[in-house]
Amino acid sequence: VVPGDHELGYRLALSTDPKGGISGESLDSFFHV
């Protein structure tokens, strides 16, 4: 499974979450899950 934006978090041109994006927690959760 190659990590995508939805798995790690993203800030793309149509993003609607002001705090969206990757984080240490999202990277860690992908690795462990």
PDB file of all heavy atoms in Angstrom:
ATOM      1  N   VAL A   1       0.860  -1.185   0.000  1.00  0.00           N
ATOM      2  CA  VAL A   1       0.000   0.000   0.000  1.00  0.00           C
ATOM      3  C   VAL A   1       0.897   1.236   0.000  1.00  0.00           C
ATOM      4  O   VAL A   1       1.631   1.495   0.955  1.00  0.00           O
ATOM      5  CB  VAL A   1      -0.940   0.018   1.220  1.00  0.00           C
ATOM      6  CG1 VAL A   1      -1.828   1.264   1.175  1.00  0.00           C
ATOM      7  CG2 VAL A   1      -1.807  -1.236   1.248  1.00  0.00           C
ATOM      8  N   VAL A   2       0.858   1.987  -1.093  1.00  0.00           N
ATOM      9  CA  VAL A   2       1.626   3.225  -1.213  1.00  0.00           C
ATOM     10  C   VAL A   2       0.849   4.336  -0.506  1.00  0.00           C
ATOM     11  O   VAL A   2      -0.345   4.510  -0.757  1.00  0.00           O
ATOM     12  CB  VAL A   2       1.831   3.584  -2.705  1.00  0.00           C
ATOM     13  CG1 VAL A   2       2.589   4.890  -2.845  1.00  0.00           C
ATOM     14  CG2 VAL A   2       2.560   2.450  -3.433  1.00  0.00           C
ATOM     15  N   PRO A   3       1.466   5.092   0.396  1.00  0.00           N
ATOM     16  CA  PRO A   3       0.726   6.142   1.100  1.00  0.00           C
ATOM     17  C   PRO A   3       0.290   7.269   0.166  1.00  0.00           C
ATOM     18  O   PRO A   3       1.089   7.779  -0.616  1.00  0.00           O
ATOM     19  CB  PRO A   3       1.725   6.651   2.153  1.00  0.00           C
ATOM     20  CG  PRO A   3       3.068   6.243   1.651  1.00  0.00           C
ATOM     21  CD  PRO A   3       2.864   4.993   0.852  1.00  0.00           C
ATOM     22  N   GLY A   4      -0.986   7.628   0.247  1.00  0.00           N
ATOM     23  CA  GLY A   4      -1.521   8.732  -0.548  1.00  0.00           C
ATOM     24  C   GLY A   4      -1.831   9.927   0.331  1.00  0.00           C
ATOM     25  O   GLY A   4      -1.530   9.946   1.532  1.00  0.00           O
ATOM     26  N   ASP A   5      -2.464  10.929  -0.247  1.00  0.00           N
ATOM     27  CA  ASP A   5      -2.806  12.137   0.505  1.00  0.00           C
ATOM     28  C   ASP A   5      -3.828  11.842   1.602  1.00  0.00           C
ATOM     29  O   ASP A   5      -3.737  12.380   2.705  1.00  0.00           O
ATOM     30  CB  ASP A   5      -3.382  13.199  -0.442  1.00  0.00           C
ATOM     31  CG  ASP A   5      -2.397  13.561  -1.537  1.00  0.00           C
ATOM     32  OD1 ASP A   5      -1.242  13.870  -1.207  1.00  0.00           O
ATOM     33  OD2 ASP A   5      -2.774  13.515  -2.722  1.00  0.00           O
ATOM     34  N   HIS A   6      -4.798  10.992   1.300  1.00  0.00           N
ATOM     35  CA  HIS A   6      -5.844  10.700   2.282  1.00  0.00           C
ATOM     36  C   HIS A   6      -5.305   9.888   3.455  1.00  0.00           C
ATOM     37  O   HIS A   6      -5.872   9.927   4.540  1.00  0.00           O
ATOM     38  CB  HIS A   6      -7.010   9.964   1.620  1.00  0.00           C
ATOM     39  CG  HIS A   6      -7.831  10.830   0.722  1.00  0.00           C
ATOM     40  ND1 HIS A   6      -8.888  11.587   1.170  1.00  0.00           N
ATOM     41  CD2 HIS A   6      -7.729  11.073  -0.605  1.00  0.00           C
ATOM     42  CE1 HIS A   6      -9.416  12.255   0.155  1.00  0.00           C
ATOM     43  NE2 HIS A   6      -8.727  11.957  -0.936  1.00  0.00           N
ATOM     44  N   GLU A   7      -4.233   9.142   3.229  1.00  0.00           N
ATOM     45  CA  GLU A   7      -3.647   8.360   4.327  1.00  0.00           C
ATOM     46  C   GLU A   7      -2.757   9.210   5.226  1.00  0.00           C
ATOM     47  O   GLU A   7      -2.652   8.947   6.419  1.00  0.00           O
ATOM     48  CB  GLU A   7      -2.817   7.187   3.777  1.00  0.00           C
ATOM     49  CG  GLU A   7      -3.639   6.012   3.300  1.00  0.00           C
ATOM     50  CD  GLU A   7      -4.137   6.162   1.882  1.00  0.00           C
ATOM     51  OE1 GLU A   7      -3.496   6.879   1.086  1.00  0.00           O
ATOM     52  OE2 GLU A   7      -5.177   5.574   1.554  1.00  0.00           O
ATOM     53  N   LEU A   8      -2.078  10.216   4.668  1.00  0.00           N
ATOM     54  CA  LEU A   8      -1.097  10.975   5.450  1.00  0.00           C
ATOM     55  C   LEU A   8      -1.524  12.403   5.752  1.00  0.00           C
ATOM     56  O   LEU A   8      -0.905  13.068   6.575  1.00  0.00           O
ATOM     57  CB  LEU A   8       0.248  11.007   4.709  1.00  0.00           C
ATOM     58  CG  LEU A   8       0.966   9.669   4.523  1.00  0.00           C
ATOM     59  CD1 LEU A   8       2.319   9.897   3.875  1.00  0.00           C
ATOM     60  CD2 LEU A   8       1.131   8.936   5.836  1.00  0.00           C
ATOM     61  N   GLY A   9      -2.568  12.877   5.088  1.00  0.00           N
ATOM     62  CA  GLY A   9      -2.981  14.267   5.270  1.00  0.00           C
ATOM     63  C   GLY A   9      -2.491  15.128   4.123  1.00  0.00           C
ATOM     64  O   GLY A   9      -1.447  14.860   3.528  1.00  0.00           O
ATOM     65  N   TYR A  10      -3.232  16.172   3.781  1.00  0.00           N
ATOM     66  CA  TYR A  10      -2.860  16.979   2.627  1.00  0.00           C
ATOM     67  C   TYR A  10      -3.341  18.418   2.744  1.00  0.00           C
ATOM     68  O   TYR A  10      -4.264  18.745   3.483  1.00  0.00           O
ATOM     69  CB  TYR A  10      -3.435  16.368   1.345  1.00  0.00           C
ATOM     70  CG  TYR A  10      -4.946  16.240   1.319  1.00  0.00           C
ATOM     71  CD1 TYR A  10      -5.744  17.294   0.876  1.00  0.00           C
ATOM     72  CD2 TYR A  10      -5.564  15.068   1.727  1.00  0.00           C
ATOM     73  CE1 TYR A  10      -7.122  17.177   0.848  1.00  0.00           C
ATOM     74  CE2 TYR A  10      -6.943  14.944   1.701  1.00  0.00           C
ATOM     75  CZ  TYR A  10      -7.718  16.007   1.263  1.00  0.00           C
ATOM     76  OH  TYR A  10      -9.090  15.882   1.247  1.00  0.00           O
ATOM     77  N   ARG A  11      -2.642  19.264   1.993  1.00  0.00           N
ATOM     78  CA  ARG A  11      -3.078  20.642   1.746  1.00  0.00           C
ATOM     79  C   ARG A  11      -2.965  20.856   0.246  1.00  0.00           C
ATOM     80  O   ARG A  11      -1.936  21.274  -0.256  1.00  0.00           O
ATOM     81  CB  ARG A  11      -2.203  21.626   2.515  1.00  0.00           C
ATOM     82  CG  ARG A  11      -2.503  21.658   4.003  1.00  0.00           C
ATOM     83  CD  ARG A  11      -1.410  22.363   4.773  1.00  0.00           C
ATOM     84  NE  ARG A  11      -1.281  23.756   4.388  1.00  0.00           N
ATOM     85  CZ  ARG A  11      -0.254  24.525   4.730  1.00  0.00           C
ATOM     86  NH1 ARG A  11       0.739  24.013   5.433  1.00  0.00           N
ATOM     87  NH2 ARG A  11      -0.197  25.789   4.373  1.00  0.00           N
ATOM     88  N   LEU A  12      -4.030  20.527  -0.444  1.00  0.00           N
ATOM     89  CA  LEU A  12      -4.065  20.684  -1.888  1.00  0.00           C
ATOM     90  C   LEU A  12      -4.861  21.937  -2.242  1.00  0.00           C
ATOM     91  O   LEU A  12      -5.375  22.632  -1.362  1.00  0.00           O
ATOM     92  CB  LEU A  12      -4.685  19.435  -2.527  1.00  0.00           C
ATOM     93  CG  LEU A  12      -3.990  18.106  -2.172  1.00  0.00           C
ATOM     94  CD1 LEU A  12      -4.741  16.935  -2.790  1.00  0.00           C
ATOM     95  CD2 LEU A  12      -2.552  18.100  -2.623  1.00  0.00           C
ATOM     96  N   ALA A  13      -4.969  22.185  -3.525  1.00  0.00           N
ATOM     97  CA  ALA A  13      -5.623  23.425  -3.962  1.00  0.00           C
ATOM     98  C   ALA A  13      -7.076  23.534  -3.504  1.00  0.00           C
ATOM     99  O   ALA A  13      -7.598  24.630  -3.325  1.00  0.00           O
ATOM    100  CB  ALA A  13      -5.544  23.525  -5.479  1.00  0.00           C
ATOM    101  N   LEU A  14      -7.765  22.400  -3.298  1.00  0.00           N
ATOM    102  CA  LEU A  14      -9.175  22.428  -2.890  1.00  0.00           C
ATOM    103  C   LEU A  14      -9.358  22.015  -1.422  1.00  0.00           C
ATOM    104  O   LEU A  14     -10.464  21.654  -1.018  1.00  0.00           O
ATOM    105  CB  LEU A  14     -10.001  21.510  -3.792  1.00  0.00           C
ATOM    106  CG  LEU A  14     -10.109  21.960  -5.252  1.00  0.00           C
ATOM    107  CD1 LEU A  14     -10.759  20.880  -6.099  1.00  0.00           C
ATOM    108  CD2 LEU A  14     -10.909  23.257  -5.361  1.00  0.00           C
ATOM    109  N   SER A  15      -8.302  22.089  -0.622  1.00  0.00           N
ATOM    110  CA  SER A  15      -8.398  21.717   0.792  1.00  0.00           C
ATOM    111  C   SER A  15      -9.368  22.633   1.530  1.00  0.00           C
ATOM    112  O   SER A  15      -9.473  23.828   1.232  1.00  0.00           O
ATOM    113  CB  SER A  15      -7.027  21.798   1.460  1.00  0.00           C
ATOM    114  OG  SER A  15      -6.162  20.816   0.947  1.00  0.00           O
ATOM    115  N   THR A  16     -10.092  22.047   2.519  1.00  0.00           N
ATOM    116  CA  THR A  16     -11.076  22.823   3.281  1.00  0.00           C
ATOM    117  C   THR A  16     -10.834  22.758   4.785  1.00  0.00           C
ATOM    118  O   THR A  16     -11.625  23.273   5.556  1.00  0.00           O
ATOM    119  CB  THR A  16     -12.509  22.312   2.991  1.00  0.00           C
ATOM    120  OG1 THR A  16     -12.572  20.912   3.296  1.00  0.00           O
ATOM    121  CG2 THR A  16     -12.882  22.526   1.537  1.00  0.00           C
ATOM    122  N   ASP A  17      -9.739  22.120   5.196  1.00  0.00           N
ATOM    123  CA  ASP A  17      -9.384  22.037   6.610  1.00  0.00           C
ATOM    124  C   ASP A  17      -8.186  22.958   6.840  1.00  0.00           C
ATOM    125  O   ASP A  17      -7.098  22.707   6.351  1.00  0.00           O
ATOM    126  CB  ASP A  17      -9.021  20.588   6.966  1.00  0.00           C
ATOM    127  CG  ASP A  17      -8.694  20.409   8.445  1.00  0.00           C
ATOM    128  OD1 ASP A  17      -8.463  21.420   9.130  1.00  0.00           O
ATOM    129  OD2 ASP A  17      -8.677  19.262   8.914  1.00  0.00           O
ATOM    130  N   PRO A  18      -8.352  24.052   7.581  1.00  0.00           N
ATOM    131  CA  PRO A  18      -7.255  25.017   7.768  1.00  0.00           C
ATOM    132  C   PRO A  18      -6.031  24.413   8.456  1.00  0.00           C
ATOM    133  O   PRO A  18      -4.940  24.958   8.343  1.00  0.00           O
ATOM    134  CB  PRO A  18      -7.888  26.115   8.617  1.00  0.00           C
ATOM    135  CG  PRO A  18      -9.101  25.513   9.227  1.00  0.00           C
ATOM    136  CD  PRO A  18      -9.582  24.481   8.264  1.00  0.00           C
ATOM    137  N   LYS A  19      -6.211  23.313   9.160  1.00  0.00           N
ATOM    138  CA  LYS A  19      -5.081  22.657   9.820  1.00  0.00           C
ATOM    139  C   LYS A  19      -4.723  21.347   9.139  1.00  0.00           C
ATOM    140  O   LYS A  19      -4.042  20.501   9.705  1.00  0.00           O
ATOM    141  CB  LYS A  19      -5.401  22.409  11.296  1.00  0.00           C
ATOM    142  CG  LYS A  19      -5.550  23.694  12.107  1.00  0.00           C
ATOM    143  CD  LYS A  19      -5.779  23.385  13.575  1.00  0.00           C
ATOM    144  CE  LYS A  19      -5.936  24.678  14.380  1.00  0.00           C
ATOM    145  NZ  LYS A  19      -6.179  24.379  15.817  1.00  0.00           N
ATOM    146  N   GLY A  20      -5.184  21.186   7.904  1.00  0.00           N
ATOM    147  CA  GLY A  20      -4.900  19.971   7.169  1.00  0.00           C
ATOM    148  C   GLY A  20      -3.432  19.859   6.803  1.00  0.00           C
ATOM    149  O   GLY A  20      -2.715  20.855   6.721  1.00  0.00           O
ATOM    150  N   GLY A  21      -2.982  18.633   6.588  1.00  0.00           N
ATOM    151  CA  GLY A  21      -1.600  18.398   6.198  1.00  0.00           C
ATOM    152  C   GLY A  21      -1.003  17.246   6.966  1.00  0.00           C
ATOM    153  O   GLY A  21      -1.605  16.725   7.900  1.00  0.00           O
ATOM    154  N   ILE A  22       0.182  16.835   6.554  1.00  0.00           N
ATOM    155  CA  ILE A  22       0.831  15.732   7.243  1.00  0.00           C
ATOM    156  C   ILE A  22       1.329  16.187   8.609  1.00  0.00           C
ATOM    157  O   ILE A  22       1.492  17.386   8.867  1.00  0.00           O
ATOM    158  CB  ILE A  22       1.986  15.132   6.418  1.00  0.00           C
ATOM    159  CG1 ILE A  22       3.141  16.134   6.244  1.00  0.00           C
ATOM    160  CG2 ILE A  22       1.508  14.646   5.076  1.00  0.00           C
ATOM    161  CD1 ILE A  22       4.376  15.517   5.609  1.00  0.00           C
ATOM    162  N   SER A  23       1.566  15.228   9.473  1.00  0.00           N
ATOM    163  CA  SER A  23       2.065  15.515  10.815  1.00  0.00           C
ATOM    164  C   SER A  23       2.854  14.302  11.289  1.00  0.00           C
ATOM    165  O   SER A  23       2.799  13.228  10.680  1.00  0.00           O
ATOM    166  CB  SER A  23       0.901  15.789  11.775  1.00  0.00           C
ATOM    167  OG  SER A  23       0.094  14.621  11.915  1.00  0.00           O
ATOM    168  N   GLY A  24       3.568  14.472  12.379  1.00  0.00           N
ATOM    169  CA  GLY A  24       4.275  13.341  12.959  1.00  0.00           C
ATOM    170  C   GLY A  24       3.323  12.227  13.326  1.00  0.00           C
ATOM    171  O   GLY A  24       3.620  11.039  13.136  1.00  0.00           O
ATOM    172  N   GLU A  25       2.138  12.618  13.824  1.00  0.00           N
ATOM    173  CA  GLU A  25       1.143  11.628  14.230  1.00  0.00           C
ATOM    174  C   GLU A  25       0.603  10.853  13.033  1.00  0.00           C
ATOM    175  O   GLU A  25       0.431   9.632  13.096  1.00  0.00           O
ATOM    176  CB  GLU A  25       0.000  12.314  14.971  1.00  0.00           C
ATOM    177  CG  GLU A  25      -1.013  11.346  15.566  1.00  0.00           C
ATOM    178  CD  GLU A  25      -2.125  12.041  16.329  1.00  0.00           C
ATOM    179  OE1 GLU A  25      -2.062  13.275  16.505  1.00  0.00           O
ATOM    180  OE2 GLU A  25      -3.070  11.341  16.745  1.00  0.00           O
ATOM    181  N   SER A  26       0.340  11.545  11.912  1.00  0.00           N
ATOM    182  CA  SER A  26      -0.216  10.845  10.742  1.00  0.00           C
ATOM    183  C   SER A  26       0.815   9.909  10.120  1.00  0.00           C
ATOM    184  O   SER A  26       0.488   8.809   9.671  1.00  0.00           O
ATOM    185  CB  SER A  26      -0.725  11.852   9.701  1.00  0.00           C
ATOM    186  OG  SER A  26       0.324  12.556   9.071  1.00  0.00           O
ATOM    187  N   LEU A  27       2.090  10.329  10.094  1.00  0.00           N
ATOM    188  CA  LEU A  27       3.145   9.456   9.579  1.00  0.00           C
ATOM    189  C   LEU A  27       3.297   8.220  10.455  1.00  0.00           C
ATOM    190  O   LEU A  27       3.428   7.096   9.972  1.00  0.00           O
ATOM    191  CB  LEU A  27       4.486  10.208   9.521  1.00  0.00           C
ATOM    192  CG  LEU A  27       4.575  11.382   8.540  1.00  0.00           C
ATOM    193  CD1 LEU A  27       5.872  12.139   8.743  1.00  0.00           C
ATOM    194  CD2 LEU A  27       4.466  10.916   7.106  1.00  0.00           C
ATOM    195  N   ASP A  28       3.257   8.452  11.773  1.00  0.00           N
ATOM    196  CA  ASP A  28       3.411   7.356  12.730  1.00  0.00           C
ATOM    197  C   ASP A  28       2.246   6.375  12.632  1.00  0.00           C
ATOM    198  O   ASP A  28       2.438   5.159  12.674  1.00  0.00           O
ATOM    199  CB  ASP A  28       3.502   7.934  14.146  1.00  0.00           C
ATOM    200  CG  ASP A  28       3.944   6.894  15.156  1.00  0.00           C
ATOM    201  OD1 ASP A  28       5.012   6.303  14.973  1.00  0.00           O
ATOM    202  OD2 ASP A  28       3.196   6.673  16.128  1.00  0.00           O
ATOM    203  N   SER A  29       1.024   6.911  12.463  1.00  0.00           N
ATOM    204  CA  SER A  29      -0.148   6.035  12.406  1.00  0.00           C
ATOM    205  C   SER A  29      -0.129   5.181  11.149  1.00  0.00           C
ATOM    206  O   SER A  29      -0.481   4.000  11.176  1.00  0.00           O
ATOM    207  CB  SER A  29      -1.449   6.844  12.494  1.00  0.00           C
ATOM    208  OG  SER A  29      -1.648   7.639  11.349  1.00  0.00           O
ATOM    209  N   PHE A  30       0.316   5.741  10.016  1.00  0.00           N
ATOM    210  CA  PHE A  30       0.397   4.934   8.790  1.00  0.00           C
ATOM    211  C   PHE A  30       1.394   3.799   8.985  1.00  0.00           C
ATOM    212  O   PHE A  30       1.108   2.647   8.633  1.00  0.00           O
ATOM    213  CB  PHE A  30       0.821   5.798   7.596  1.00  0.00           C
ATOM    214  CG  PHE A  30       0.844   5.037   6.290  1.00  0.00           C
ATOM    215  CD1 PHE A  30      -0.287   5.002   5.483  1.00  0.00           C
ATOM    216  CD2 PHE A  30       1.964   4.335   5.888  1.00  0.00           C
ATOM    217  CE1 PHE A  30      -0.290   4.275   4.288  1.00  0.00           C
ATOM    218  CE2 PHE A  30       1.986   3.612   4.696  1.00  0.00           C
ATOM    219  CZ  PHE A  30       0.846   3.592   3.900  1.00  0.00           C
ATOM    220  N   PHE A  31       2.550   4.126   9.544  1.00  0.00           N
ATOM    221  CA  PHE A  31       3.594   3.116   9.714  1.00  0.00           C
ATOM    222  C   PHE A  31       3.124   1.967  10.609  1.00  0.00           C
ATOM    223  O   PHE A  31       3.341   0.801  10.298  1.00  0.00           O
ATOM    224  CB  PHE A  31       4.852   3.761  10.298  1.00  0.00           C
ATOM    225  CG  PHE A  31       5.963   2.781  10.535  1.00  0.00           C
ATOM    226  CD1 PHE A  31       6.742   2.339   9.482  1.00  0.00           C
ATOM    227  CD2 PHE A  31       6.222   2.293  11.802  1.00  0.00           C
ATOM    228  CE1 PHE A  31       7.768   1.416   9.685  1.00  0.00           C
ATOM    229  CE2 PHE A  31       7.240   1.373  12.024  1.00  0.00           C
ATOM    230  CZ  PHE A  31       8.016   0.941  10.955  1.00  0.00           C
ATOM    231  N   HIS A  32       2.450   2.292  11.709  1.00  0.00           N
ATOM    232  CA  HIS A  32       2.055   1.258  12.659  1.00  0.00           C
ATOM    233  C   HIS A  32       0.768   0.524  12.271  1.00  0.00           C
ATOM    234  O   HIS A  32       0.577  -0.633  12.634  1.00  0.00           O
ATOM    235  CB  HIS A  32       1.897   1.866  14.060  1.00  0.00           C
ATOM    236  CG  HIS A  32       3.216   2.183  14.706  1.00  0.00           C
ATOM    237  ND1 HIS A  32       3.752   3.447  14.709  1.00  0.00           N
ATOM    238  CD2 HIS A  32       4.126   1.389  15.317  1.00  0.00           C
ATOM    239  CE1 HIS A  32       4.931   3.427  15.320  1.00  0.00           C
ATOM    240  NE2 HIS A  32       5.181   2.191  15.698  1.00  0.00           N
ATOM    241  N   VAL A  33      -0.101   1.198  11.515  1.00  0.00           N
ATOM    242  CA  VAL A  33      -1.375   0.577  11.151  1.00  0.00           C
ATOM    243  C   VAL A  33      -1.280  -0.128   9.801  1.00  0.00           C
ATOM    244  O   VAL A  33      -1.872  -1.191   9.605  1.00  0.00           O
ATOM    245  CB  VAL A  33      -2.506   1.639  11.136  1.00  0.00           C
ATOM    246  CG1 VAL A  33      -3.775   1.061  10.563  1.00  0.00           C
ATOM    247  CG2 VAL A  33      -2.758   2.169  12.543  1.00  0.00           C
TER     248      VAL A  33
END
